[in-house]
Amino acid sequence: MNLRRKINLLLFFFLTLGFSGCSLLQGFSNAISMKDCNYSFNRVSDIEVAGFSADTQFSFLDVAKIVALLSGGAESIPLSMNVVLDVENPNTKDAGFEKLDYVLNIDNVDLLSGQLTESFLVSAGSKSQLPVNLSVDLLTLLSGDSKEPVVKIVKNILGLTEESSKVQLKIKPTIKIGQREHQVASYIPIDFVVGGQEK
């Protein structure tokens, strides 16, 4: 092997090592910055239960249909909503994650858990909105001890009662460092309320 080829190989090795080191440093930077971000509730929209939107005024017939659904006989009772979070990055470096695990709890009932698989980035010293689309089939929860609380939750969030429901969305980001993924140690809770007759 001639001298020129040896030099080229050495240069390639050090450049590759440098890029790998930069990638690792960026991953650690994201991990630290993501942990120090501030998470808060912005809004919730598009709440629907079995096709009934929380944004509409229900007729007596609509209410009767909803009550019938919750009483049994339905093949499925899909609940969906879009929760938008504000993520504020007070750090001097960008923050981001590869994916996000979440748990939705309403009135102390764990309704669902899932994962966002799209990466997210918030620039240094700025704020970004993070949408989390949630959906679950409530039929799986309408049995045993959970039936009565779930029925109450549905009535509250659709505005069929004057009460609102307390919601907690817990999130846990996963950051990629090099070729490995690392989760934040514990869930980050975001609390808000939905429902009640305030339409």
N, C-alpha and C. Protein backbone atom coordinates (compact mmCIF):
# COMPACT_ATOMS: atom_id res chain seq x y z
N MET A 1 0.86 -1.20 0.00
CA MET A 1 0.00 0.00 0.00
C MET A 1 0.89 1.24 0.00
N ASN A 2 0.69 2.13 -0.98
CA ASN A 2 1.54 3.30 -1.06
C ASN A 2 1.16 4.34 -0.01
N LEU A 3 2.04 5.31 0.15
CA LEU A 3 1.88 6.32 1.20
C LEU A 3 0.62 7.15 1.02
N ARG A 4 0.30 7.52 -0.22
CA ARG A 4 -0.87 8.35 -0.48
C ARG A 4 -2.16 7.62 -0.07
N ARG A 5 -2.21 6.32 -0.39
CA ARG A 5 -3.42 5.56 -0.04
C ARG A 5 -3.57 5.43 1.48
N LYS A 6 -2.43 5.25 2.17
CA LYS A 6 -2.47 5.17 3.64
C LYS A 6 -3.00 6.48 4.23
N ILE A 7 -2.54 7.59 3.69
CA ILE A 7 -2.98 8.91 4.19
C ILE A 7 -4.47 9.10 3.96
N ASN A 8 -4.94 8.69 2.77
CA ASN A 8 -6.38 8.81 2.46
C ASN A 8 -7.22 7.97 3.40
N LEU A 9 -6.77 6.74 3.68
CA LEU A 9 -7.50 5.86 4.60
C LEU A 9 -7.54 6.44 6.01
N LEU A 10 -6.40 7.00 6.44
CA LEU A 10 -6.36 7.63 7.77
C LEU A 10 -7.29 8.82 7.85
N LEU A 11 -7.31 9.64 6.80
CA LEU A 11 -8.22 10.79 6.76
C LEU A 11 -9.67 10.34 6.82
N PHE A 12 -10.00 9.29 6.05
CA PHE A 12 -11.37 8.76 6.05
C PHE A 12 -11.77 8.26 7.44
N PHE A 13 -10.82 7.55 8.10
CA PHE A 13 -11.08 7.02 9.44
C PHE A 13 -11.38 8.14 10.43
N PHE A 14 -10.54 9.18 10.41
CA PHE A 14 -10.73 10.26 11.38
C PHE A 14 -11.98 11.08 11.10
N LEU A 15 -12.31 11.25 9.81
CA LEU A 15 -13.54 11.96 9.46
C LEU A 15 -14.76 11.19 9.92
N THR A 16 -14.74 9.85 9.71
CA THR A 16 -15.86 9.00 10.15
C THR A 16 -16.01 9.04 11.66
N LEU A 17 -14.87 8.97 12.35
CA LEU A 17 -14.89 9.04 13.81
C LEU A 17 -15.43 10.38 14.28
N GLY A 18 -15.06 11.45 13.57
CA GLY A 18 -15.53 12.78 13.93
C GLY A 18 -17.02 12.91 13.78
N PHE A 19 -17.56 12.41 12.65
CA PHE A 19 -19.01 12.49 12.42
C PHE A 19 -19.77 11.66 13.44
N SER A 20 -19.22 10.49 13.79
CA SER A 20 -19.86 9.64 14.79
C SER A 20 -19.89 10.33 16.13
N GLY A 21 -18.74 10.97 16.49
CA GLY A 21 -18.67 11.70 17.75
C GLY A 21 -19.66 12.84 17.80
N CYS A 22 -19.80 13.56 16.67
CA CYS A 22 -20.76 14.67 16.60
C CYS A 22 -22.18 14.15 16.79
N SER A 23 -22.48 13.00 16.18
CA SER A 23 -23.81 12.41 16.31
C SER A 23 -24.11 12.04 17.76
N LEU A 24 -23.11 11.47 18.44
CA LEU A 24 -23.29 11.10 19.85
C LEU A 24 -23.49 12.35 20.70
N LEU A 25 -22.66 13.38 20.45
CA LEU A 25 -22.79 14.61 21.22
C LEU A 25 -24.14 15.25 21.00
N GLN A 26 -24.64 15.23 19.75
CA GLN A 26 -25.95 15.80 19.45
C GLN A 26 -27.04 15.03 20.18
N GLY A 27 -26.89 13.68 20.23
CA GLY A 27 -27.86 12.85 20.93
C GLY A 27 -27.90 13.17 22.42
N PHE A 28 -26.73 13.29 23.05
CA PHE A 28 -26.68 13.66 24.46
C PHE A 28 -27.27 15.04 24.69
N SER A 29 -26.98 15.96 23.77
CA SER A 29 -27.51 17.32 23.87
C SER A 29 -29.03 17.31 23.82
N ASN A 30 -29.61 16.53 22.89
CA ASN A 30 -31.06 16.42 22.79
C ASN A 30 -31.66 15.83 24.05
N ALA A 31 -30.98 14.83 24.60
CA ALA A 31 -31.48 14.17 25.81
C ALA A 31 -31.54 15.15 26.98
N ILE A 32 -30.48 15.90 27.17
CA ILE A 32 -30.45 16.87 28.27
C ILE A 32 -31.48 17.98 28.04
N SER A 33 -31.52 18.50 26.82
CA SER A 33 -32.43 19.60 26.51
C SER A 33 -33.89 19.17 26.61
N MET A 34 -34.21 17.96 26.14
CA MET A 34 -35.59 17.48 26.16
C MET A 34 -36.07 17.33 27.59
N LYS A 35 -35.20 16.88 28.47
CA LYS A 35 -35.55 16.70 29.88
C LYS A 35 -35.87 18.04 30.53
N ASP A 36 -35.20 19.10 30.09
CA ASP A 36 -35.37 20.41 30.71
C ASP A 36 -36.44 21.27 30.05
N CYS A 37 -37.11 20.74 29.04
CA CYS A 37 -38.19 21.49 28.39
C CYS A 37 -39.39 21.62 29.32
N ASN A 38 -40.21 22.63 29.08
CA ASN A 38 -41.44 22.84 29.84
C ASN A 38 -42.63 22.39 28.99
N TYR A 39 -43.46 21.52 29.56
CA TYR A 39 -44.61 20.97 28.84
C TYR A 39 -45.90 21.50 29.47
N SER A 40 -46.82 21.98 28.65
CA SER A 40 -48.08 22.49 29.18
C SER A 40 -49.22 22.23 28.19
N PHE A 41 -50.43 22.25 28.72
CA PHE A 41 -51.62 22.02 27.91
C PHE A 41 -51.95 23.27 27.11
N ASN A 42 -52.23 23.10 25.81
CA ASN A 42 -52.66 24.21 24.97
C ASN A 42 -54.16 24.14 24.71
N ARG A 43 -54.62 23.03 24.13
CA ARG A 43 -56.04 22.89 23.83
C ARG A 43 -56.38 21.43 23.53
N VAL A 44 -57.65 21.12 23.58
CA VAL A 44 -58.15 19.82 23.14
C VAL A 44 -59.26 20.08 22.13
N SER A 45 -59.29 19.31 21.07
CA SER A 45 -60.28 19.52 20.01
C SER A 45 -60.73 18.19 19.44
N ASP A 46 -61.76 18.26 18.61
CA ASP A 46 -62.25 17.09 17.87
C ASP A 46 -62.60 15.92 18.79
N ILE A 47 -63.25 16.23 19.93
CA ILE A 47 -63.70 15.15 20.82
C ILE A 47 -64.95 14.51 20.24
N GLU A 48 -64.87 13.22 20.01
CA GLU A 48 -66.02 12.48 19.47
C GLU A 48 -66.19 11.15 20.20
N VAL A 49 -67.44 10.78 20.41
CA VAL A 49 -67.77 9.46 20.96
C VAL A 49 -68.80 8.83 20.02
N ALA A 50 -68.38 7.74 19.38
CA ALA A 50 -69.26 7.00 18.45
C ALA A 50 -69.90 7.93 17.41
N GLY A 51 -69.11 8.89 16.92
CA GLY A 51 -69.61 9.80 15.90
C GLY A 51 -70.31 11.04 16.43
N PHE A 52 -70.55 11.11 17.72
CA PHE A 52 -71.17 12.29 18.34
C PHE A 52 -70.07 13.27 18.77
N SER A 53 -70.11 14.50 18.23
CA SER A 53 -69.09 15.49 18.53
C SER A 53 -69.45 16.30 19.77
N ALA A 54 -68.46 16.55 20.61
CA ALA A 54 -68.67 17.36 21.81
C ALA A 54 -68.93 18.82 21.48
N ASP A 55 -68.72 19.23 20.23
CA ASP A 55 -68.91 20.62 19.84
C ASP A 55 -70.34 20.94 19.41
N THR A 56 -71.22 19.95 19.44
CA THR A 56 -72.60 20.17 18.97
C THR A 56 -73.59 20.16 20.13
N GLN A 57 -74.76 20.73 19.87
CA GLN A 57 -75.86 20.66 20.82
C GLN A 57 -76.68 19.41 20.49
N PHE A 58 -76.94 18.59 21.48
CA PHE A 58 -77.62 17.33 21.23
C PHE A 58 -79.13 17.46 21.40
N SER A 59 -79.85 16.78 20.52
CA SER A 59 -81.30 16.70 20.66
C SER A 59 -81.63 15.61 21.67
N PHE A 60 -82.92 15.53 22.06
CA PHE A 60 -83.33 14.46 22.98
C PHE A 60 -83.09 13.10 22.35
N LEU A 61 -83.26 13.00 21.03
CA LEU A 61 -83.03 11.74 20.33
C LEU A 61 -81.55 11.36 20.37
N ASP A 62 -80.67 12.36 20.19
CA ASP A 62 -79.23 12.10 20.28
C ASP A 62 -78.84 11.57 21.65
N VAL A 63 -79.38 12.22 22.69
CA VAL A 63 -79.07 11.81 24.06
C VAL A 63 -79.55 10.38 24.31
N ALA A 64 -80.73 10.07 23.79
CA ALA A 64 -81.26 8.71 23.96
C ALA A 64 -80.36 7.69 23.27
N LYS A 65 -79.83 8.03 22.09
CA LYS A 65 -78.94 7.13 21.37
C LYS A 65 -77.63 6.91 22.13
N ILE A 66 -77.10 8.00 22.70
CA ILE A 66 -75.85 7.90 23.47
C ILE A 66 -76.04 7.02 24.70
N VAL A 67 -77.14 7.24 25.41
CA VAL A 67 -77.44 6.43 26.61
C VAL A 67 -77.60 4.97 26.23
N ALA A 68 -78.28 4.71 25.08
CA ALA A 68 -78.46 3.33 24.62
C ALA A 68 -77.12 2.67 24.29
N LEU A 69 -76.21 3.44 23.67
CA LEU A 69 -74.88 2.91 23.36
C LEU A 69 -74.15 2.48 24.63
N LEU A 70 -74.24 3.33 25.65
CA LEU A 70 -73.53 3.06 26.90
C LEU A 70 -74.18 1.95 27.72
N SER A 71 -75.43 1.66 27.43
CA SER A 71 -76.16 0.63 28.18
C SER A 71 -75.84 -0.77 27.69
N GLY A 72 -75.28 -0.89 26.51
CA GLY A 72 -74.94 -2.22 25.98
C GLY A 72 -75.54 -2.43 24.61
N GLY A 73 -75.03 -3.45 23.92
CA GLY A 73 -75.57 -3.79 22.62
C GLY A 73 -74.76 -3.25 21.46
N ALA A 74 -73.90 -2.26 21.71
CA ALA A 74 -73.08 -1.68 20.64
C ALA A 74 -71.89 -2.60 20.34
N GLU A 75 -71.48 -2.62 19.08
CA GLU A 75 -70.32 -3.42 18.69
C GLU A 75 -69.01 -2.71 19.03
N SER A 76 -69.05 -1.38 19.05
CA SER A 76 -67.89 -0.59 19.45
C SER A 76 -68.35 0.81 19.84
N ILE A 77 -67.59 1.46 20.70
CA ILE A 77 -67.87 2.84 21.10
C ILE A 77 -66.54 3.61 21.03
N PRO A 78 -66.17 4.06 19.82
CA PRO A 78 -64.89 4.75 19.67
C PRO A 78 -64.89 6.14 20.28
N LEU A 79 -63.88 6.43 21.06
CA LEU A 79 -63.63 7.77 21.60
C LEU A 79 -62.36 8.29 20.95
N SER A 80 -62.41 9.53 20.45
CA SER A 80 -61.21 10.13 19.87
C SER A 80 -61.12 11.60 20.25
N MET A 81 -59.92 12.09 20.35
CA MET A 81 -59.68 13.51 20.64
C MET A 81 -58.27 13.87 20.21
N ASN A 82 -58.07 15.14 19.98
CA ASN A 82 -56.75 15.66 19.62
C ASN A 82 -56.28 16.61 20.71
N VAL A 83 -55.22 16.24 21.41
CA VAL A 83 -54.67 17.08 22.48
C VAL A 83 -53.41 17.77 21.94
N VAL A 84 -53.37 19.09 22.07
CA VAL A 84 -52.20 19.86 21.61
C VAL A 84 -51.45 20.36 22.84
N LEU A 85 -50.16 20.05 22.89
CA LEU A 85 -49.31 20.48 24.00
C LEU A 85 -48.35 21.57 23.53
N ASP A 86 -48.01 22.48 24.43
CA ASP A 86 -46.95 23.45 24.19
C ASP A 86 -45.66 22.89 24.76
N VAL A 87 -44.62 22.86 23.95
CA VAL A 87 -43.30 22.41 24.42
C VAL A 87 -42.35 23.59 24.30
N GLU A 88 -41.91 24.11 25.44
CA GLU A 88 -41.02 25.28 25.46
C GLU A 88 -39.60 24.83 25.81
N ASN A 89 -38.67 25.21 24.96
CA ASN A 89 -37.27 24.83 25.15
C ASN A 89 -36.48 26.05 25.63
N PRO A 90 -36.17 26.12 26.94
CA PRO A 90 -35.43 27.28 27.47
C PRO A 90 -33.92 27.15 27.30
N ASN A 91 -33.48 26.04 26.72
CA ASN A 91 -32.06 25.75 26.60
C ASN A 91 -31.41 26.51 25.44
N THR A 92 -30.11 26.48 25.42
CA THR A 92 -29.35 27.13 24.34
C THR A 92 -29.10 26.18 23.17
N LYS A 93 -29.61 24.93 23.27
CA LYS A 93 -29.47 23.95 22.19
C LYS A 93 -30.83 23.36 21.85
N ASP A 94 -30.97 22.91 20.62
CA ASP A 94 -32.22 22.28 20.18
C ASP A 94 -32.53 21.04 21.02
N ALA A 95 -33.81 20.69 21.08
CA ALA A 95 -34.24 19.50 21.79
C ALA A 95 -35.17 18.69 20.89
N GLY A 96 -35.08 17.38 20.99
CA GLY A 96 -35.95 16.56 20.16
C GLY A 96 -36.04 15.13 20.65
N PHE A 97 -37.03 14.41 20.15
CA PHE A 97 -37.15 12.99 20.47
C PHE A 97 -37.47 12.20 19.22
N GLU A 98 -37.23 10.89 19.29
CA GLU A 98 -37.50 9.98 18.18
C GLU A 98 -38.94 9.47 18.22
N LYS A 99 -39.41 9.18 19.43
CA LYS A 99 -40.78 8.71 19.61
C LYS A 99 -41.25 9.07 21.02
N LEU A 100 -42.54 8.87 21.26
CA LEU A 100 -43.12 9.33 22.52
C LEU A 100 -44.17 8.33 22.99
N ASP A 101 -43.97 7.77 24.18
CA ASP A 101 -44.98 6.93 24.80
C ASP A 101 -45.94 7.81 25.59
N TYR A 102 -47.23 7.41 25.64
CA TYR A 102 -48.20 8.21 26.39
C TYR A 102 -49.24 7.32 27.06
N VAL A 103 -49.81 7.86 28.13
CA VAL A 103 -50.91 7.21 28.85
C VAL A 103 -51.98 8.28 29.09
N LEU A 104 -53.23 7.96 28.76
CA LEU A 104 -54.34 8.90 28.98
C LEU A 104 -55.17 8.41 30.16
N ASN A 105 -55.30 9.28 31.16
CA ASN A 105 -56.10 8.97 32.34
C ASN A 105 -57.17 10.05 32.49
N ILE A 106 -58.44 9.62 32.62
CA ILE A 106 -59.53 10.56 32.84
C ILE A 106 -60.28 10.14 34.10
N ASP A 107 -60.39 11.08 35.03
CA ASP A 107 -61.07 10.81 36.31
C ASP A 107 -60.55 9.54 36.97
N ASN A 108 -59.21 9.41 36.99
CA ASN A 108 -58.52 8.29 37.64
C ASN A 108 -58.76 6.94 36.98
N VAL A 109 -59.20 6.96 35.72
CA VAL A 109 -59.35 5.73 34.95
C VAL A 109 -58.36 5.78 33.79
N ASP A 110 -57.44 4.80 33.72
CA ASP A 110 -56.51 4.71 32.59
C ASP A 110 -57.28 4.20 31.38
N LEU A 111 -57.49 5.10 30.40
CA LEU A 111 -58.28 4.74 29.23
C LEU A 111 -57.44 4.10 28.13
N LEU A 112 -56.23 4.58 27.96
CA LEU A 112 -55.42 4.02 26.87
C LEU A 112 -53.96 4.37 27.05
N SER A 113 -53.13 3.60 26.37
CA SER A 113 -51.71 3.91 26.26
C SER A 113 -51.30 3.68 24.82
N GLY A 114 -50.27 4.38 24.39
CA GLY A 114 -49.85 4.24 23.00
C GLY A 114 -48.51 4.91 22.78
N GLN A 115 -48.19 5.09 21.50
CA GLN A 115 -46.89 5.65 21.16
C GLN A 115 -46.96 6.47 19.87
N LEU A 116 -46.36 7.65 19.91
CA LEU A 116 -46.14 8.44 18.71
C LEU A 116 -44.81 8.02 18.12
N THR A 117 -44.78 7.75 16.83
CA THR A 117 -43.54 7.27 16.21
C THR A 117 -42.89 8.30 15.30
N GLU A 118 -43.45 9.51 15.26
CA GLU A 118 -42.84 10.57 14.46
C GLU A 118 -41.90 11.40 15.34
N SER A 119 -40.74 11.71 14.80
CA SER A 119 -39.77 12.50 15.56
C SER A 119 -40.28 13.94 15.72
N PHE A 120 -39.75 14.61 16.72
CA PHE A 120 -40.19 15.97 17.06
C PHE A 120 -38.98 16.80 17.45
N LEU A 121 -38.97 18.06 17.04
CA LEU A 121 -37.84 18.94 17.36
C LEU A 121 -38.36 20.33 17.73
N VAL A 122 -37.80 20.89 18.81
CA VAL A 122 -38.11 22.27 19.18
C VAL A 122 -36.78 23.02 19.30
N SER A 123 -36.68 24.12 18.59
CA SER A 123 -35.42 24.86 18.53
C SER A 123 -35.07 25.50 19.87
N ALA A 124 -33.80 25.79 20.03
CA ALA A 124 -33.32 26.42 21.26
C ALA A 124 -34.03 27.75 21.50
N GLY A 125 -34.48 27.97 22.73
CA GLY A 125 -35.10 29.23 23.11
C GLY A 125 -36.44 29.50 22.46
N SER A 126 -37.12 28.47 21.99
CA SER A 126 -38.41 28.67 21.32
C SER A 126 -39.47 27.71 21.86
N LYS A 127 -40.68 27.86 21.31
CA LYS A 127 -41.81 27.02 21.73
C LYS A 127 -42.44 26.40 20.49
N SER A 128 -42.80 25.13 20.58
CA SER A 128 -43.47 24.43 19.48
C SER A 128 -44.70 23.71 20.01
N GLN A 129 -45.64 23.45 19.12
CA GLN A 129 -46.84 22.70 19.50
C GLN A 129 -46.70 21.24 19.10
N LEU A 130 -47.08 20.39 20.03
CA LEU A 130 -47.00 18.95 19.81
C LEU A 130 -48.41 18.37 19.83
N PRO A 131 -48.96 17.96 18.67
CA PRO A 131 -50.29 17.35 18.66
C PRO A 131 -50.22 15.86 18.99
N VAL A 132 -51.15 15.41 19.84
CA VAL A 132 -51.23 14.00 20.20
C VAL A 132 -52.65 13.53 19.90
N ASN A 133 -52.81 12.72 18.86
CA ASN A 133 -54.12 12.21 18.50
C ASN A 133 -54.39 10.92 19.27
N LEU A 134 -55.49 10.90 20.00
CA LEU A 134 -55.80 9.78 20.88
C LEU A 134 -57.10 9.11 20.45
N SER A 135 -57.13 7.80 20.52
CA SER A 135 -58.36 7.07 20.21
C SER A 135 -58.38 5.75 20.97
N VAL A 136 -59.59 5.35 21.38
CA VAL A 136 -59.76 4.09 22.12
C VAL A 136 -61.19 3.61 21.94
N ASP A 137 -61.38 2.31 21.98
CA ASP A 137 -62.73 1.74 21.95
C ASP A 137 -63.19 1.56 23.38
N LEU A 138 -64.15 2.39 23.79
CA LEU A 138 -64.62 2.36 25.18
C LEU A 138 -65.36 1.08 25.53
N LEU A 139 -65.78 0.34 24.51
CA LEU A 139 -66.52 -0.90 24.78
C LEU A 139 -65.69 -1.87 25.62
N THR A 140 -64.38 -1.83 25.43
CA THR A 140 -63.49 -2.73 26.17
C THR A 140 -63.43 -2.37 27.66
N LEU A 141 -63.89 -1.15 28.01
CA LEU A 141 -63.83 -0.70 29.40
C LEU A 141 -65.19 -0.70 30.09
N LEU A 142 -66.24 -1.00 29.32
CA LEU A 142 -67.60 -0.96 29.90
C LEU A 142 -67.97 -2.29 30.54
N SER A 143 -67.19 -2.67 31.52
CA SER A 143 -67.48 -3.90 32.27
C SER A 143 -66.82 -3.81 33.64
N GLY A 144 -67.36 -4.54 34.57
CA GLY A 144 -66.79 -4.58 35.91
C GLY A 144 -66.81 -3.23 36.60
N ASP A 145 -65.77 -2.98 37.38
CA ASP A 145 -65.71 -1.76 38.19
C ASP A 145 -65.52 -0.49 37.35
N SER A 146 -65.04 -0.63 36.13
CA SER A 146 -64.77 0.56 35.31
C SER A 146 -66.02 1.07 34.58
N LYS A 147 -67.10 0.27 34.53
CA LYS A 147 -68.25 0.65 33.72
C LYS A 147 -68.86 1.97 34.17
N GLU A 148 -69.17 2.11 35.45
CA GLU A 148 -69.83 3.33 35.94
C GLU A 148 -68.96 4.57 35.74
N PRO A 149 -67.65 4.53 36.08
CA PRO A 149 -66.82 5.71 35.83
C PRO A 149 -66.72 6.07 34.35
N VAL A 150 -66.65 5.08 33.47
CA VAL A 150 -66.51 5.35 32.04
C VAL A 150 -67.78 5.99 31.50
N VAL A 151 -68.95 5.51 31.92
CA VAL A 151 -70.22 6.11 31.51
C VAL A 151 -70.27 7.57 31.94
N LYS A 152 -69.82 7.84 33.15
CA LYS A 152 -69.81 9.21 33.66
C LYS A 152 -68.84 10.08 32.86
N ILE A 153 -67.70 9.54 32.52
CA ILE A 153 -66.71 10.28 31.72
C ILE A 153 -67.31 10.70 30.38
N VAL A 154 -67.96 9.75 29.70
CA VAL A 154 -68.56 10.04 28.39
C VAL A 154 -69.59 11.15 28.50
N LYS A 155 -70.45 11.07 29.50
CA LYS A 155 -71.49 12.09 29.67
C LYS A 155 -70.86 13.46 29.97
N ASN A 156 -69.80 13.47 30.76
CA ASN A 156 -69.13 14.72 31.10
C ASN A 156 -68.48 15.37 29.89
N ILE A 157 -67.69 14.58 29.14
CA ILE A 157 -66.92 15.18 28.04
C ILE A 157 -67.81 15.57 26.86
N LEU A 158 -68.99 14.94 26.75
CA LEU A 158 -69.92 15.33 25.70
C LEU A 158 -70.82 16.50 26.13
N GLY A 159 -70.70 16.90 27.40
CA GLY A 159 -71.49 18.03 27.88
C GLY A 159 -72.92 17.68 28.24
N LEU A 160 -73.15 16.40 28.55
CA LEU A 160 -74.50 15.98 28.96
C LEU A 160 -74.74 16.23 30.44
N THR A 161 -73.70 16.60 31.17
CA THR A 161 -73.83 16.95 32.58
C THR A 161 -73.15 18.31 32.79
N GLU A 162 -73.31 18.87 33.96
CA GLU A 162 -72.66 20.14 34.29
C GLU A 162 -71.25 19.93 34.81
N GLU A 163 -70.88 18.69 35.02
CA GLU A 163 -69.55 18.37 35.55
C GLU A 163 -68.53 18.25 34.43
N SER A 164 -67.30 18.61 34.75
CA SER A 164 -66.19 18.37 33.83
C SER A 164 -65.38 17.18 34.33
N SER A 165 -64.54 16.64 33.47
CA SER A 165 -63.69 15.51 33.84
C SER A 165 -62.23 15.95 33.89
N LYS A 166 -61.52 15.43 34.88
CA LYS A 166 -60.10 15.74 35.03
C LYS A 166 -59.29 14.78 34.17
N VAL A 167 -58.46 15.36 33.33
CA VAL A 167 -57.66 14.58 32.39
C VAL A 167 -56.18 14.72 32.74
N GLN A 168 -55.48 13.61 32.67
CA GLN A 168 -54.03 13.65 32.80
C GLN A 168 -53.42 12.86 31.63
N LEU A 169 -52.65 13.56 30.83
CA LEU A 169 -51.90 12.93 29.75
C LEU A 169 -50.45 12.82 30.20
N LYS A 170 -49.97 11.59 30.31
CA LYS A 170 -48.59 11.36 30.75
C LYS A 170 -47.76 10.97 29.53
N ILE A 171 -46.62 11.65 29.37
CA ILE A 171 -45.77 11.40 28.20
C ILE A 171 -44.35 11.02 28.64
N LYS A 172 -43.71 10.20 27.81
CA LYS A 172 -42.33 9.79 28.09
C LYS A 172 -41.56 9.75 26.77
N PRO A 173 -40.73 10.77 26.50
CA PRO A 173 -39.97 10.81 25.24
C PRO A 173 -38.85 9.76 25.20
N THR A 174 -38.54 9.34 23.99
CA THR A 174 -37.39 8.47 23.73
C THR A 174 -36.41 9.22 22.84
N ILE A 175 -35.16 9.31 23.28
CA ILE A 175 -34.13 10.04 22.55
C ILE A 175 -33.12 9.05 21.98
N LYS A 176 -32.66 9.29 20.77
CA LYS A 176 -31.67 8.43 20.15
C LYS A 176 -30.28 9.00 20.38
N ILE A 177 -29.39 8.19 20.95
CA ILE A 177 -28.00 8.58 21.17
C ILE A 177 -27.13 7.57 20.43
N GLY A 178 -26.50 8.02 19.36
CA GLY A 178 -25.78 7.08 18.51
C GLY A 178 -26.79 6.16 17.84
N GLN A 179 -26.60 4.85 18.02
CA GLN A 179 -27.53 3.86 17.46
C GLN A 179 -28.51 3.34 18.51
N ARG A 180 -28.43 3.84 19.72
CA ARG A 180 -29.28 3.35 20.80
C ARG A 180 -30.35 4.36 21.18
N GLU A 181 -31.49 3.84 21.61
CA GLU A 181 -32.59 4.70 22.05
C GLU A 181 -32.68 4.66 23.58
N HIS A 182 -32.91 5.83 24.17
CA HIS A 182 -32.98 5.95 25.62
C HIS A 182 -34.23 6.73 26.01
N GLN A 183 -35.02 6.16 26.95
CA GLN A 183 -36.23 6.83 27.41
C GLN A 183 -35.93 7.76 28.57
N VAL A 184 -36.69 8.84 28.65
CA VAL A 184 -36.66 9.68 29.85
C VAL A 184 -37.07 8.80 31.03
N ALA A 185 -36.50 9.03 32.19
CA ALA A 185 -36.66 8.12 33.33
C ALA A 185 -38.11 7.91 33.76
N SER A 186 -38.90 8.96 33.77
CA SER A 186 -40.28 8.83 34.26
C SER A 186 -41.24 9.63 33.39
N TYR A 187 -42.53 9.29 33.51
CA TYR A 187 -43.55 10.00 32.73
C TYR A 187 -43.67 11.46 33.18
N ILE A 188 -43.95 12.32 32.22
CA ILE A 188 -44.18 13.75 32.49
C ILE A 188 -45.69 13.98 32.44
N PRO A 189 -46.32 14.41 33.54
CA PRO A 189 -47.78 14.57 33.54
C PRO A 189 -48.21 15.97 33.08
N ILE A 190 -49.27 16.01 32.27
CA ILE A 190 -49.90 17.27 31.86
C ILE A 190 -51.38 17.16 32.21
N ASP A 191 -51.87 18.08 33.04
CA ASP A 191 -53.24 18.03 33.54
C ASP A 191 -54.12 19.11 32.91
N PHE A 192 -55.37 18.74 32.63
CA PHE A 192 -56.36 19.70 32.15
C PHE A 192 -57.76 19.11 32.38
N VAL A 193 -58.79 19.87 32.05
CA VAL A 193 -60.16 19.40 32.23
C VAL A 193 -60.91 19.51 30.91
N VAL A 194 -61.89 18.63 30.72
CA VAL A 194 -62.75 18.67 29.55
C VAL A 194 -64.20 18.48 29.96
N GLY A 195 -65.11 18.96 29.12
CA GLY A 195 -66.53 18.68 29.33
C GLY A 195 -67.24 19.69 30.18
N GLY A 196 -68.43 19.27 30.64
CA GLY A 196 -69.31 20.17 31.36
C GLY A 196 -70.16 20.95 30.37
N GLN A 197 -71.23 21.52 30.83
CA GLN A 197 -72.16 22.24 29.96
C GLN A 197 -71.71 23.69 29.79
N GLU A 198 -70.63 23.85 29.02
CA GLU A 198 -70.06 25.18 28.79
C GLU A 198 -69.98 25.48 27.30
N LYS A 199 -70.81 24.82 26.49
CA LYS A 199 -70.77 25.06 25.06
C LYS A 199 -71.46 26.36 24.70
